[in-house]
């Protein structure tokens, strides 16, 4: 994931989401990032990693003022909502989220997006 690493991930908030079409995604809540040795708890939220393509699909979704004290109730609710999505809902969520790094075109094709932040 480049030279930024997600930290503060608790096992109960990290799960593989697998769809019947073979696509797999890691969904997790992280409490901070390690940017070359600088830990920033203000950089927290929900991230989704694309396991098939080995890339970060989305990060910094549902950011709290700090990740120092663990996930917020809002982050946990949103994490659970994402895990319950079907393929169509998941694609719509990714494709309309301003923090998404890619647009999912089909089960086998994604295109990079310009970052809007």
Protein backbone atom coordinates (compact mmCIF):
# COMPACT_ATOMS: atom_id res chain seq x y z
CA UNK A 1 0.00 0.00 0.00
CA UNK A 2 2.88 2.34 -0.74
CA UNK A 3 4.75 3.97 2.10
CA UNK A 4 1.63 4.54 4.22
CA UNK A 5 0.50 1.69 6.47
CA UNK A 6 -2.86 1.32 8.20
CA UNK A 7 -2.47 0.78 11.97
CA UNK A 8 -4.72 0.15 14.93
CA UNK A 9 -6.78 -2.51 13.13
CA UNK A 10 -8.60 -4.71 15.61
CA UNK A 11 -9.32 -8.30 14.50
CA UNK A 12 -13.05 -7.94 15.15
CA UNK A 13 -13.17 -5.05 12.62
CA UNK A 14 -11.29 -6.70 9.77
CA UNK A 15 -13.12 -9.10 7.53
CA UNK A 16 -12.89 -10.56 4.05
CA UNK A 17 -16.02 -9.84 2.01
CA UNK A 18 -16.44 -12.37 -0.78
CA UNK A 19 -19.04 -12.24 -3.52
CA UNK A 20 -20.40 -15.16 -5.55
CA UNK A 21 -18.70 -13.75 -8.67
CA UNK A 22 -15.29 -14.47 -7.11
CA UNK A 23 -14.44 -10.91 -6.10
CA UNK A 24 -12.86 -10.54 -2.62
CA UNK A 25 -12.36 -7.40 -0.55
CA UNK A 26 -10.85 -6.73 2.87
CA UNK A 27 -13.02 -4.34 4.86
CA UNK A 28 -11.50 -2.91 8.03
CA UNK A 29 -11.57 -0.02 10.46
CA UNK A 30 -8.18 1.52 11.19
CA UNK A 31 -7.22 3.88 14.00
CA UNK A 32 -4.25 5.67 12.43
CA UNK A 33 -1.74 5.52 9.63
CA UNK A 34 2.03 5.17 9.76
CA UNK A 35 3.46 7.56 7.19
CA UNK A 36 7.17 6.68 7.22
CA UNK A 37 7.34 6.62 11.03
CA UNK A 38 4.85 9.40 11.77
CA UNK A 39 1.71 7.94 13.36
CA UNK A 40 -1.40 10.01 12.77
CA UNK A 41 -4.57 9.08 14.71
CA UNK A 42 -6.38 11.90 12.90
CA UNK A 43 -6.07 9.71 9.79
CA UNK A 44 -8.56 6.98 10.59
CA UNK A 45 -11.73 5.43 9.21
CA UNK A 46 -12.87 2.52 7.11
CA UNK A 47 -10.74 1.16 4.29
CA UNK A 48 -11.45 -1.45 1.64
CA UNK A 49 -8.69 -3.43 -0.01
CA UNK A 50 -9.26 -5.28 -3.27
CA UNK A 51 -7.82 -8.75 -2.66
CA UNK A 52 -8.07 -9.82 -6.31
CA UNK A 53 -6.09 -6.82 -7.58
CA UNK A 54 -3.95 -6.28 -4.45
CA UNK A 55 -4.74 -2.59 -4.12
CA UNK A 56 -6.48 -0.15 -1.81
CA UNK A 57 -9.91 0.56 -3.25
CA UNK A 58 -11.08 3.12 -0.71
CA UNK A 59 -9.79 4.70 2.51
CA UNK A 60 -10.69 7.40 5.02
CA UNK A 61 -14.39 6.64 4.84
CA UNK A 62 -16.34 7.67 7.94
CA UNK A 63 -13.43 9.55 9.57
CA UNK A 64 -13.66 10.46 13.27
CA UNK A 65 -11.81 13.30 15.00
CA UNK A 66 -9.31 10.73 16.30
CA UNK A 67 -8.76 7.00 16.05
CA UNK A 68 -6.80 6.95 19.28
CA UNK A 69 -9.63 5.46 21.37
CA UNK A 70 -10.76 2.82 18.89
CA UNK A 71 -13.66 2.79 16.43
CA UNK A 72 -16.64 5.03 17.02
CA UNK A 73 -20.21 3.69 17.11
CA UNK A 74 -20.80 5.34 13.72
CA UNK A 75 -17.76 3.59 12.21
CA UNK A 76 -18.92 0.24 13.56
CA UNK A 77 -22.44 0.73 12.16
CA UNK A 78 -21.05 1.69 8.75
CA UNK A 79 -18.59 -1.23 8.77
CA UNK A 80 -21.46 -3.65 9.43
CA UNK A 81 -23.60 -1.98 6.73
CA UNK A 82 -20.82 -2.45 4.16
CA UNK A 83 -20.44 -6.12 5.10
CA UNK A 84 -24.16 -6.66 4.48
CA UNK A 85 -24.15 -5.15 0.96
CA UNK A 86 -24.82 -7.30 -2.07
CA UNK A 87 -22.66 -6.89 -5.21
CA UNK A 88 -24.88 -4.23 -6.81
CA UNK A 89 -25.04 -2.17 -3.61
CA UNK A 90 -21.29 -2.54 -3.06
CA UNK A 91 -20.43 -1.38 -6.59
CA UNK A 92 -22.75 1.62 -6.22
CA UNK A 93 -21.18 2.46 -2.84
CA UNK A 94 -17.64 2.31 -4.23
CA UNK A 95 -18.45 4.16 -7.45
CA UNK A 96 -20.20 7.05 -5.66
CA UNK A 97 -17.82 7.43 -2.73
CA UNK A 98 -15.52 10.47 -3.04
CA UNK A 99 -12.69 8.53 -1.33
CA UNK A 100 -12.74 5.68 -3.84
CA UNK A 101 -9.54 5.32 -5.85
CA UNK A 102 -11.17 3.27 -8.62
CA UNK A 103 -14.46 2.91 -10.44
CA UNK A 104 -15.68 -0.67 -10.72
CA UNK A 105 -16.77 -1.18 -14.33
CA UNK A 106 -17.55 -4.90 -14.11
CA UNK A 107 -16.53 -7.88 -12.03
CA UNK A 108 -13.20 -8.02 -13.90
CA UNK A 109 -12.50 -4.39 -14.75
CA UNK A 110 -11.70 -1.28 -12.71
CA UNK A 111 -10.47 2.12 -13.85
CA UNK A 112 -8.41 4.52 -11.70
CA UNK A 113 -10.09 7.73 -10.59
CA UNK A 114 -8.62 11.12 -9.98
CA UNK A 115 -8.56 11.79 -6.24
CA UNK A 116 -11.16 14.36 -5.17
CA UNK A 117 -9.55 15.32 -1.87
